[in-house]
């Protein structure tokens, strides 16, 4: 079984409308948090910047949360603008839902594949592993990894997940030889 790995190469853009210029993209840049204490309660925001006009806005991470509910390492991470904490905050689906935003992964990931498989080793099984929850359509990912058109990839593969719906979970597929006459299922 050949291992393929989907890796994050950077932070994704945020699909978020700017109040000044109406642009649809914002970035977390290097990643900075703003922490505000109000008595024994903390507010934590992630600062994001519009890619068009450079306006900075805050996106809520925690609101009126008791200081005691934070682990000391997490508090230190917010204060030090820890890049790992910035990434895990952006990848948290609750953060996206709370702030009504989605992530644009264009150009923020790569597919690591081993060398091409030998022609006589058909069929070939491939296991796709995601290092981060990057939502990708399996048909597009497989076509890119094999260097085939999407139609050719659909004709030659058998997969354990729906091919035309984004997924960010690990899956496996089998590549059949080029002369294989399988039928492609348009509903996959």
N, C-alpha and C. Protein backbone atom coordinates (compact mmCIF):
# COMPACT_ATOMS: atom_id res chain seq x y z
N UNK A 1 0.85 -1.17 0.00
CA UNK A 1 0.00 0.00 0.00
C UNK A 1 0.89 1.24 0.00
N UNK A 2 0.65 2.14 -0.96
CA UNK A 2 1.42 3.37 -1.07
C UNK A 2 0.83 4.44 -0.15
N UNK A 3 1.69 5.15 0.60
CA UNK A 3 1.18 6.22 1.47
C UNK A 3 1.21 7.58 0.77
N UNK A 4 0.09 8.28 0.79
CA UNK A 4 0.03 9.66 0.35
C UNK A 4 -0.30 10.49 1.59
N UNK A 5 0.32 11.65 1.71
CA UNK A 5 0.09 12.50 2.88
C UNK A 5 -0.29 13.91 2.41
N UNK A 6 -1.41 14.42 2.94
CA UNK A 6 -1.83 15.79 2.67
C UNK A 6 -1.34 16.63 3.85
N UNK A 7 -0.50 17.63 3.54
CA UNK A 7 0.11 18.46 4.58
C UNK A 7 -0.23 19.93 4.38
N UNK A 8 -0.37 20.61 5.48
CA UNK A 8 -0.59 22.05 5.45
C UNK A 8 0.74 22.74 5.21
N UNK A 9 0.78 23.68 4.28
CA UNK A 9 2.01 24.43 4.00
C UNK A 9 1.95 25.84 4.59
N UNK A 10 0.78 26.26 5.00
CA UNK A 10 0.60 27.58 5.58
C UNK A 10 -0.78 27.68 6.17
N UNK A 11 -1.10 28.84 6.68
CA UNK A 11 -2.43 29.05 7.22
C UNK A 11 -3.38 29.40 6.08
N UNK A 12 -4.60 28.89 6.12
CA UNK A 12 -5.56 29.22 5.07
C UNK A 12 -6.06 30.65 5.20
N UNK A 13 -6.57 31.18 4.10
CA UNK A 13 -7.23 32.48 4.15
C UNK A 13 -8.61 32.30 4.76
N UNK A 14 -9.15 33.34 5.31
CA UNK A 14 -10.50 33.31 5.87
C UNK A 14 -11.44 33.96 4.87
N UNK A 15 -12.54 33.29 4.56
CA UNK A 15 -13.55 33.87 3.70
C UNK A 15 -14.46 34.72 4.58
N UNK A 16 -14.22 36.01 4.53
CA UNK A 16 -14.85 36.93 5.47
C UNK A 16 -14.94 38.30 4.81
N UNK A 17 -16.11 38.91 4.81
CA UNK A 17 -16.29 40.20 4.14
C UNK A 17 -15.74 41.33 5.00
N UNK A 18 -14.92 42.18 4.41
CA UNK A 18 -14.36 43.35 5.08
C UNK A 18 -15.42 44.46 5.13
N UNK A 19 -15.52 45.13 6.26
CA UNK A 19 -16.51 46.20 6.40
C UNK A 19 -16.09 47.47 5.65
N UNK A 20 -14.80 47.64 5.37
CA UNK A 20 -14.33 48.83 4.66
C UNK A 20 -14.39 48.67 3.14
N UNK A 21 -13.74 47.63 2.62
CA UNK A 21 -13.58 47.54 1.16
C UNK A 21 -14.44 46.44 0.53
N UNK A 22 -15.16 45.68 1.33
CA UNK A 22 -16.05 44.61 0.84
C UNK A 22 -15.30 43.43 0.22
N UNK A 23 -14.00 43.36 0.44
CA UNK A 23 -13.23 42.21 -0.02
C UNK A 23 -13.71 40.98 0.72
N UNK A 24 -13.54 39.80 0.13
CA UNK A 24 -14.01 38.56 0.73
C UNK A 24 -12.91 37.76 1.42
N UNK A 25 -11.68 38.26 1.47
CA UNK A 25 -10.57 37.47 2.03
C UNK A 25 -9.87 38.22 3.14
N UNK A 26 -9.54 37.47 4.18
CA UNK A 26 -8.76 38.00 5.29
C UNK A 26 -7.72 36.96 5.66
N UNK A 27 -6.67 37.39 6.34
CA UNK A 27 -5.62 36.47 6.73
C UNK A 27 -5.29 36.67 8.21
N UNK A 28 -4.82 35.61 8.83
CA UNK A 28 -4.36 35.72 10.21
C UNK A 28 -2.90 36.13 10.25
N UNK A 29 -2.28 36.29 9.09
CA UNK A 29 -0.89 36.71 9.01
C UNK A 29 0.03 35.81 9.81
N UNK A 30 0.87 36.42 10.62
CA UNK A 30 1.76 35.63 11.48
C UNK A 30 0.99 35.08 12.67
N UNK A 31 -0.19 35.59 12.91
CA UNK A 31 -1.03 35.10 14.00
C UNK A 31 -0.79 35.83 15.30
N UNK A 32 -1.73 36.66 15.66
CA UNK A 32 -1.63 37.41 16.91
C UNK A 32 -2.96 37.32 17.65
N UNK A 33 -2.86 37.18 18.95
CA UNK A 33 -4.04 37.17 19.81
C UNK A 33 -4.11 38.49 20.57
N UNK A 34 -5.30 38.86 20.95
CA UNK A 34 -5.52 39.97 21.88
C UNK A 34 -6.24 39.38 23.06
N UNK A 35 -5.66 39.59 24.25
CA UNK A 35 -6.23 39.06 25.49
C UNK A 35 -6.61 40.24 26.37
N UNK A 36 -7.84 40.23 26.88
CA UNK A 36 -8.32 41.30 27.74
C UNK A 36 -8.90 40.69 29.01
N UNK A 37 -8.44 41.18 30.14
CA UNK A 37 -8.94 40.69 31.43
C UNK A 37 -9.96 41.68 31.98
N UNK A 38 -11.05 41.13 32.49
CA UNK A 38 -12.08 41.92 33.14
C UNK A 38 -12.40 41.22 34.46
N UNK A 39 -11.68 41.60 35.51
CA UNK A 39 -11.82 40.89 36.78
C UNK A 39 -11.23 39.51 36.64
N UNK A 40 -12.03 38.49 36.91
CA UNK A 40 -11.58 37.11 36.79
C UNK A 40 -12.02 36.46 35.48
N UNK A 41 -12.47 37.28 34.56
CA UNK A 41 -12.93 36.79 33.26
C UNK A 41 -11.97 37.27 32.17
N UNK A 42 -11.79 36.42 31.16
CA UNK A 42 -10.93 36.77 30.03
C UNK A 42 -11.71 36.77 28.73
N UNK A 43 -11.34 37.69 27.85
CA UNK A 43 -11.77 37.67 26.47
C UNK A 43 -10.52 37.45 25.64
N UNK A 44 -10.61 36.56 24.65
CA UNK A 44 -9.48 36.29 23.76
C UNK A 44 -9.99 36.42 22.33
N UNK A 45 -9.26 37.19 21.52
CA UNK A 45 -9.60 37.36 20.12
C UNK A 45 -8.39 37.00 19.27
N UNK A 46 -8.65 36.54 18.06
CA UNK A 46 -7.61 36.36 17.05
C UNK A 46 -7.70 37.56 16.12
N UNK A 47 -6.59 38.23 15.91
CA UNK A 47 -6.58 39.39 15.02
C UNK A 47 -6.39 38.93 13.58
N UNK A 48 -7.28 39.38 12.71
CA UNK A 48 -7.20 39.04 11.29
C UNK A 48 -7.13 40.34 10.49
N UNK A 49 -6.52 40.24 9.33
CA UNK A 49 -6.26 41.41 8.50
C UNK A 49 -6.83 41.19 7.11
N UNK A 50 -7.52 42.19 6.58
CA UNK A 50 -8.05 42.14 5.21
C UNK A 50 -6.88 42.12 4.24
N UNK A 51 -6.92 41.24 3.25
CA UNK A 51 -5.82 41.17 2.29
C UNK A 51 -5.83 42.33 1.30
N UNK A 52 -6.96 43.01 1.14
CA UNK A 52 -7.05 44.13 0.19
C UNK A 52 -6.69 45.47 0.82
N UNK A 53 -7.32 45.81 1.94
CA UNK A 53 -7.13 47.15 2.50
C UNK A 53 -6.32 47.16 3.80
N UNK A 54 -5.93 46.01 4.30
CA UNK A 54 -5.08 45.90 5.48
C UNK A 54 -5.78 46.26 6.80
N UNK A 55 -7.10 46.37 6.80
CA UNK A 55 -7.85 46.66 8.03
C UNK A 55 -7.78 45.45 8.95
N UNK A 56 -7.51 45.69 10.23
CA UNK A 56 -7.44 44.62 11.22
C UNK A 56 -8.74 44.56 12.00
N UNK A 57 -9.26 43.33 12.17
CA UNK A 57 -10.46 43.11 12.97
C UNK A 57 -10.19 41.98 13.94
N UNK A 58 -11.07 41.86 14.93
CA UNK A 58 -10.94 40.81 15.94
C UNK A 58 -12.00 39.74 15.68
N UNK A 59 -11.61 38.49 15.87
CA UNK A 59 -12.54 37.36 15.80
C UNK A 59 -12.50 36.65 17.15
N UNK A 60 -13.66 36.43 17.74
CA UNK A 60 -13.76 35.90 19.10
C UNK A 60 -13.26 34.46 19.18
N UNK A 61 -12.35 34.23 20.13
CA UNK A 61 -11.89 32.88 20.45
C UNK A 61 -12.57 32.43 21.76
N UNK A 62 -12.50 33.27 22.79
CA UNK A 62 -13.18 33.02 24.07
C UNK A 62 -13.82 34.33 24.52
N UNK A 63 -15.00 34.22 25.09
CA UNK A 63 -15.70 35.41 25.53
C UNK A 63 -16.15 35.23 26.98
N UNK A 64 -15.71 36.15 27.84
CA UNK A 64 -16.09 36.13 29.26
C UNK A 64 -15.90 34.76 29.89
N UNK A 65 -14.70 34.23 29.73
CA UNK A 65 -14.36 32.90 30.24
C UNK A 65 -13.56 33.04 31.52
N UNK A 66 -13.92 32.29 32.58
CA UNK A 66 -13.14 32.38 33.83
C UNK A 66 -11.68 32.00 33.60
N UNK A 67 -10.78 32.78 34.22
CA UNK A 67 -9.35 32.56 34.06
C UNK A 67 -8.97 31.15 34.50
N UNK A 68 -9.61 30.64 35.53
CA UNK A 68 -9.28 29.30 36.06
C UNK A 68 -9.59 28.18 35.08
N UNK A 69 -10.42 28.43 34.07
CA UNK A 69 -10.75 27.37 33.12
C UNK A 69 -9.66 27.16 32.07
N UNK A 70 -8.66 28.05 32.03
CA UNK A 70 -7.56 27.93 31.08
C UNK A 70 -6.39 27.20 31.72
N UNK A 71 -5.79 26.30 30.99
CA UNK A 71 -4.53 25.70 31.43
C UNK A 71 -3.45 26.78 31.35
N UNK A 72 -2.50 26.78 32.28
CA UNK A 72 -1.44 27.81 32.25
C UNK A 72 -0.68 27.84 30.91
N UNK A 73 -0.45 26.69 30.31
CA UNK A 73 0.28 26.66 29.03
C UNK A 73 -0.53 27.34 27.92
N UNK A 74 -1.85 27.18 27.95
CA UNK A 74 -2.70 27.81 26.94
C UNK A 74 -2.69 29.33 27.13
N UNK A 75 -2.81 29.78 28.37
CA UNK A 75 -2.74 31.22 28.63
C UNK A 75 -1.42 31.81 28.15
N UNK A 76 -0.34 31.12 28.46
CA UNK A 76 0.98 31.58 27.99
C UNK A 76 1.04 31.61 26.47
N UNK A 77 0.41 30.61 25.82
CA UNK A 77 0.38 30.57 24.36
C UNK A 77 -0.37 31.75 23.77
N UNK A 78 -1.50 32.14 24.39
CA UNK A 78 -2.23 33.31 23.93
C UNK A 78 -1.39 34.58 24.10
N UNK A 79 -0.73 34.70 25.22
CA UNK A 79 0.08 35.90 25.49
C UNK A 79 1.31 35.97 24.58
N UNK A 80 1.88 34.82 24.23
CA UNK A 80 3.09 34.78 23.40
C UNK A 80 2.79 34.65 21.91
N UNK A 81 1.50 34.62 21.54
CA UNK A 81 1.10 34.45 20.14
C UNK A 81 1.71 33.20 19.53
N UNK A 82 1.55 32.09 20.21
CA UNK A 82 2.11 30.81 19.78
C UNK A 82 1.55 30.40 18.42
N UNK A 83 2.42 30.17 17.41
CA UNK A 83 1.94 29.80 16.06
C UNK A 83 1.12 28.50 16.05
N UNK A 84 1.48 27.54 16.88
CA UNK A 84 0.70 26.30 16.95
C UNK A 84 -0.70 26.54 17.47
N UNK A 85 -0.84 27.44 18.42
CA UNK A 85 -2.15 27.78 18.97
C UNK A 85 -2.97 28.57 17.96
N UNK A 86 -2.32 29.41 17.18
CA UNK A 86 -3.01 30.14 16.11
C UNK A 86 -3.57 29.14 15.10
N UNK A 87 -2.75 28.17 14.68
CA UNK A 87 -3.19 27.17 13.70
C UNK A 87 -4.33 26.34 14.25
N UNK A 88 -4.21 25.87 15.49
CA UNK A 88 -5.29 25.03 16.05
C UNK A 88 -6.57 25.84 16.23
N UNK A 89 -6.45 27.13 16.52
CA UNK A 89 -7.65 27.98 16.63
C UNK A 89 -8.32 28.11 15.27
N UNK A 90 -7.54 28.38 14.23
CA UNK A 90 -8.12 28.51 12.88
C UNK A 90 -8.77 27.21 12.40
N UNK A 91 -8.19 26.07 12.78
CA UNK A 91 -8.70 24.79 12.31
C UNK A 91 -9.87 24.28 13.14
N UNK A 92 -10.19 24.97 14.23
CA UNK A 92 -11.29 24.56 15.10
C UNK A 92 -12.63 24.92 14.44
N UNK A 93 -13.48 23.92 14.17
CA UNK A 93 -14.77 24.21 13.53
C UNK A 93 -15.67 25.11 14.38
N UNK A 94 -15.56 25.04 15.70
CA UNK A 94 -16.37 25.91 16.56
C UNK A 94 -15.98 27.39 16.39
N UNK A 95 -14.69 27.65 16.20
CA UNK A 95 -14.23 29.02 15.94
C UNK A 95 -14.85 29.53 14.65
N UNK A 96 -14.83 28.73 13.60
CA UNK A 96 -15.40 29.13 12.31
C UNK A 96 -16.90 29.37 12.42
N UNK A 97 -17.59 28.48 13.10
CA UNK A 97 -19.04 28.62 13.24
C UNK A 97 -19.39 29.86 14.07
N UNK A 98 -18.68 30.06 15.18
CA UNK A 98 -18.95 31.19 16.07
C UNK A 98 -18.74 32.52 15.34
N UNK A 99 -17.75 32.58 14.47
CA UNK A 99 -17.42 33.82 13.77
C UNK A 99 -17.97 33.91 12.36
N UNK A 100 -18.78 32.93 11.98
CA UNK A 100 -19.44 32.90 10.67
C UNK A 100 -18.45 33.11 9.52
N UNK A 101 -17.45 32.25 9.51
CA UNK A 101 -16.45 32.34 8.44
C UNK A 101 -16.11 30.93 7.96
N UNK A 102 -15.51 30.87 6.81
CA UNK A 102 -15.02 29.59 6.29
C UNK A 102 -13.56 29.80 5.88
N UNK A 103 -12.87 28.68 5.68
CA UNK A 103 -11.46 28.73 5.35
C UNK A 103 -11.26 28.46 3.86
N UNK A 104 -10.39 29.21 3.25
CA UNK A 104 -10.02 29.02 1.85
C UNK A 104 -8.63 28.40 1.82
N UNK A 105 -8.56 27.12 1.45
CA UNK A 105 -7.31 26.36 1.50
C UNK A 105 -6.49 26.46 0.22
N UNK A 106 -6.89 27.28 -0.73
CA UNK A 106 -6.17 27.39 -1.99
C UNK A 106 -4.71 27.79 -1.73
N UNK A 107 -3.79 26.94 -2.16
CA UNK A 107 -2.37 27.21 -2.03
C UNK A 107 -1.80 27.01 -0.64
N UNK A 108 -2.59 26.46 0.29
CA UNK A 108 -2.12 26.31 1.67
C UNK A 108 -1.86 24.85 2.04
N UNK A 109 -1.80 23.96 1.04
CA UNK A 109 -1.55 22.54 1.31
C UNK A 109 -0.76 21.94 0.16
N UNK A 110 -0.19 20.75 0.43
CA UNK A 110 0.50 20.01 -0.63
C UNK A 110 0.25 18.52 -0.42
N UNK A 111 0.42 17.78 -1.49
CA UNK A 111 0.26 16.33 -1.46
C UNK A 111 1.63 15.70 -1.63
N UNK A 112 2.07 14.94 -0.63
CA UNK A 112 3.33 14.22 -0.70
C UNK A 112 3.05 12.79 -1.13
N UNK A 113 3.62 12.39 -2.28
CA UNK A 113 3.43 11.04 -2.79
C UNK A 113 4.79 10.41 -3.02
N UNK A 114 4.87 9.07 -2.89
CA UNK A 114 6.13 8.41 -3.23
C UNK A 114 6.31 8.40 -4.74
N UNK A 115 7.43 7.85 -5.18
CA UNK A 115 7.69 7.78 -6.62
C UNK A 115 6.57 6.99 -7.31
N UNK A 116 6.38 7.23 -8.61
CA UNK A 116 5.31 6.54 -9.33
C UNK A 116 5.43 5.02 -9.23
N UNK A 117 4.28 4.38 -9.24
CA UNK A 117 4.26 2.93 -9.09
C UNK A 117 4.68 2.25 -10.39
N UNK A 118 5.34 1.11 -10.31
CA UNK A 118 5.75 0.39 -11.52
C UNK A 118 4.54 -0.11 -12.31
N UNK A 119 4.70 -0.18 -13.63
CA UNK A 119 3.59 -0.53 -14.51
C UNK A 119 3.06 -1.94 -14.29
N UNK A 120 3.89 -2.87 -13.80
CA UNK A 120 3.43 -4.25 -13.67
C UNK A 120 2.79 -4.55 -12.31
N UNK A 121 2.68 -3.59 -11.44
CA UNK A 121 2.18 -3.82 -10.09
C UNK A 121 0.70 -3.47 -9.93
N UNK A 122 -0.13 -3.84 -10.90
CA UNK A 122 -1.54 -3.48 -10.85
C UNK A 122 -2.34 -4.57 -10.18
N UNK A 123 -3.41 -4.27 -9.51
CA UNK A 123 -3.87 -2.95 -9.06
C UNK A 123 -3.02 -2.45 -7.90
N UNK A 124 -3.03 -1.14 -7.70
CA UNK A 124 -2.22 -0.50 -6.66
C UNK A 124 -3.16 0.10 -5.62
N UNK A 125 -2.89 -0.19 -4.35
CA UNK A 125 -3.67 0.40 -3.27
C UNK A 125 -2.92 1.60 -2.71
N UNK A 126 -3.67 2.66 -2.43
CA UNK A 126 -3.09 3.89 -1.91
C UNK A 126 -3.87 4.30 -0.66
N UNK A 127 -3.14 4.69 0.36
CA UNK A 127 -3.77 5.20 1.58
C UNK A 127 -3.47 6.69 1.68
N UNK A 128 -4.52 7.50 1.79
CA UNK A 128 -4.37 8.95 1.91
C UNK A 128 -4.55 9.33 3.38
N UNK A 129 -3.56 10.03 3.92
CA UNK A 129 -3.58 10.45 5.32
C UNK A 129 -3.54 11.97 5.37
N UNK A 130 -4.40 12.57 6.19
CA UNK A 130 -4.44 14.02 6.36
C UNK A 130 -3.74 14.39 7.66
N UNK A 131 -2.70 15.25 7.58
CA UNK A 131 -2.05 15.75 8.79
C UNK A 131 -2.93 16.77 9.51
N UNK A 132 -3.68 17.56 8.75
CA UNK A 132 -4.61 18.55 9.28
C UNK A 132 -5.95 18.37 8.57
N UNK A 133 -7.03 18.81 9.20
CA UNK A 133 -8.36 18.63 8.57
C UNK A 133 -8.59 19.60 7.41
N UNK A 134 -8.00 19.30 6.27
CA UNK A 134 -8.12 20.14 5.08
C UNK A 134 -9.20 19.51 4.20
N UNK A 135 -10.34 20.19 4.01
CA UNK A 135 -11.41 19.59 3.21
C UNK A 135 -11.09 19.61 1.71
N UNK A 136 -10.94 18.43 1.13
CA UNK A 136 -10.62 18.30 -0.29
C UNK A 136 -11.53 17.26 -0.92
N UNK A 137 -11.84 17.46 -2.19
CA UNK A 137 -12.60 16.44 -2.92
C UNK A 137 -11.65 15.33 -3.33
N UNK A 138 -11.97 14.09 -2.97
CA UNK A 138 -11.07 12.98 -3.31
C UNK A 138 -10.80 12.84 -4.80
N UNK A 139 -11.80 13.08 -5.67
CA UNK A 139 -11.55 12.93 -7.11
C UNK A 139 -10.48 13.91 -7.59
N UNK A 140 -10.51 15.14 -7.11
CA UNK A 140 -9.50 16.13 -7.51
C UNK A 140 -8.13 15.80 -6.94
N UNK A 141 -8.11 15.36 -5.69
CA UNK A 141 -6.85 14.99 -5.04
C UNK A 141 -6.19 13.81 -5.75
N UNK A 142 -6.97 12.79 -6.06
CA UNK A 142 -6.45 11.60 -6.72
C UNK A 142 -5.96 11.94 -8.13
N UNK A 143 -6.75 12.72 -8.87
CA UNK A 143 -6.33 13.11 -10.22
C UNK A 143 -5.01 13.88 -10.19
N UNK A 144 -4.87 14.78 -9.23
CA UNK A 144 -3.63 15.54 -9.10
C UNK A 144 -2.48 14.61 -8.75
N UNK A 145 -2.68 13.71 -7.79
CA UNK A 145 -1.61 12.80 -7.36
C UNK A 145 -1.17 11.84 -8.44
N UNK A 146 -2.11 11.40 -9.28
CA UNK A 146 -1.78 10.45 -10.34
C UNK A 146 -1.38 11.14 -11.65
N UNK A 147 -1.62 12.45 -11.75
CA UNK A 147 -1.32 13.17 -12.97
C UNK A 147 -2.27 12.80 -14.10
N UNK A 148 -3.53 12.53 -13.75
CA UNK A 148 -4.55 12.14 -14.72
C UNK A 148 -5.65 13.20 -14.75
N UNK A 149 -6.48 13.13 -15.78
CA UNK A 149 -7.67 13.96 -15.78
C UNK A 149 -8.63 13.39 -14.73
N UNK A 150 -9.58 14.20 -14.29
CA UNK A 150 -10.53 13.69 -13.29
C UNK A 150 -11.37 12.56 -13.86
N UNK A 151 -11.76 12.66 -15.12
CA UNK A 151 -12.56 11.58 -15.72
C UNK A 151 -11.78 10.28 -15.78
N UNK A 152 -10.51 10.35 -16.16
CA UNK A 152 -9.67 9.16 -16.22
C UNK A 152 -9.47 8.59 -14.82
N UNK A 153 -9.27 9.46 -13.85
CA UNK A 153 -9.12 8.99 -12.46
C UNK A 153 -10.40 8.32 -11.99
N UNK A 154 -11.54 8.89 -12.28
CA UNK A 154 -12.82 8.28 -11.88
C UNK A 154 -13.01 6.91 -12.53
N UNK A 155 -12.56 6.77 -13.76
CA UNK A 155 -12.70 5.49 -14.46
C UNK A 155 -11.80 4.42 -13.88
N UNK A 156 -10.62 4.81 -13.39
CA UNK A 156 -9.61 3.82 -12.99
C UNK A 156 -9.51 3.56 -11.50
N UNK A 157 -10.30 4.22 -10.68
CA UNK A 157 -10.15 4.00 -9.24
C UNK A 157 -11.42 3.44 -8.61
N UNK A 158 -11.19 2.74 -7.52
CA UNK A 158 -12.25 2.28 -6.63
C UNK A 158 -11.91 2.86 -5.27
N UNK A 159 -12.88 3.51 -4.65
CA UNK A 159 -12.59 4.25 -3.43
C UNK A 159 -13.61 3.93 -2.34
N UNK A 160 -13.18 4.08 -1.07
CA UNK A 160 -14.06 3.77 0.05
C UNK A 160 -14.81 4.99 0.60
N UNK A 161 -14.70 6.15 -0.07
CA UNK A 161 -15.44 7.35 0.32
C UNK A 161 -16.09 7.95 -0.93
N UNK A 162 -17.15 8.75 -0.77
CA UNK A 162 -17.73 9.44 -1.93
C UNK A 162 -16.68 10.35 -2.56
N UNK A 163 -16.55 10.27 -3.87
CA UNK A 163 -15.46 10.98 -4.55
C UNK A 163 -15.73 12.45 -4.81
N UNK A 164 -16.97 12.85 -4.85
CA UNK A 164 -17.28 14.23 -5.22
C UNK A 164 -17.76 15.06 -4.04
N UNK A 165 -17.52 14.59 -2.84
CA UNK A 165 -17.84 15.37 -1.65
C UNK A 165 -16.56 15.61 -0.86
N UNK A 166 -16.34 16.85 -0.42
CA UNK A 166 -15.11 17.13 0.33
C UNK A 166 -15.00 16.27 1.59
N UNK A 167 -13.79 15.82 1.87
CA UNK A 167 -13.51 15.08 3.07
C UNK A 167 -12.17 15.54 3.64
N UNK A 168 -12.01 15.37 4.93
CA UNK A 168 -10.73 15.67 5.56
C UNK A 168 -10.31 14.50 6.43
N UNK A 169 -10.92 13.34 6.17
CA UNK A 169 -10.57 12.14 6.92
C UNK A 169 -9.78 11.20 6.02
N UNK A 170 -8.97 10.37 6.64
CA UNK A 170 -8.14 9.42 5.90
C UNK A 170 -9.03 8.46 5.10
N UNK A 171 -8.54 8.04 3.94
CA UNK A 171 -9.26 7.08 3.11
C UNK A 171 -8.28 6.29 2.27
N UNK A 172 -8.77 5.21 1.68
CA UNK A 172 -7.95 4.39 0.78
C UNK A 172 -8.66 4.27 -0.56
N UNK A 173 -7.87 4.01 -1.59
CA UNK A 173 -8.44 3.76 -2.91
C UNK A 173 -7.53 2.81 -3.66
N UNK A 174 -8.07 2.19 -4.69
CA UNK A 174 -7.33 1.25 -5.52
C UNK A 174 -7.29 1.80 -6.95
N UNK A 175 -6.09 1.82 -7.52
CA UNK A 175 -5.90 2.27 -8.90
C UNK A 175 -5.83 1.03 -9.77
N UNK A 176 -6.68 0.97 -10.77
CA UNK A 176 -6.72 -0.15 -11.69
C UNK A 176 -5.81 0.16 -12.90
N UNK A 177 -5.38 -0.88 -13.65
CA UNK A 177 -4.51 -0.64 -14.80
C UNK A 177 -5.20 0.22 -15.87
N UNK A 178 -4.40 0.80 -16.74
CA UNK A 178 -4.92 1.70 -17.76
C UNK A 178 -5.91 1.02 -18.70
N UNK A 179 -5.70 -0.25 -18.99
CA UNK A 179 -6.59 -0.95 -19.92
C UNK A 179 -7.80 -1.56 -19.22
N UNK A 180 -7.99 -1.27 -17.94
CA UNK A 180 -9.13 -1.80 -17.19
C UNK A 180 -10.41 -1.16 -17.71
N UNK A 181 -11.43 -1.94 -17.92
CA UNK A 181 -12.67 -1.45 -18.51
C UNK A 181 -13.79 -1.34 -17.48
N UNK A 182 -13.51 -0.75 -16.34
CA UNK A 182 -14.55 -0.55 -15.33
C UNK A 182 -15.49 0.54 -15.76
N UNK A 183 -16.64 0.57 -15.17
CA UNK A 183 -17.58 1.62 -15.47
C UNK A 183 -17.52 2.66 -14.38
N UNK A 184 -17.51 3.89 -14.78
CA UNK A 184 -17.50 4.94 -13.76
C UNK A 184 -18.93 5.21 -13.33
N UNK A 185 -19.12 5.32 -12.05
CA UNK A 185 -20.43 5.56 -11.48
C UNK A 185 -20.62 7.06 -11.32
N UNK A 186 -21.52 7.70 -12.07
CA UNK A 186 -21.66 9.16 -11.99
C UNK A 186 -22.18 9.65 -10.64
N UNK A 187 -22.70 8.76 -9.83
CA UNK A 187 -23.25 9.17 -8.53
C UNK A 187 -22.25 9.11 -7.41
N UNK A 188 -21.00 8.68 -7.67
CA UNK A 188 -20.00 8.57 -6.61
C UNK A 188 -19.60 9.90 -6.08
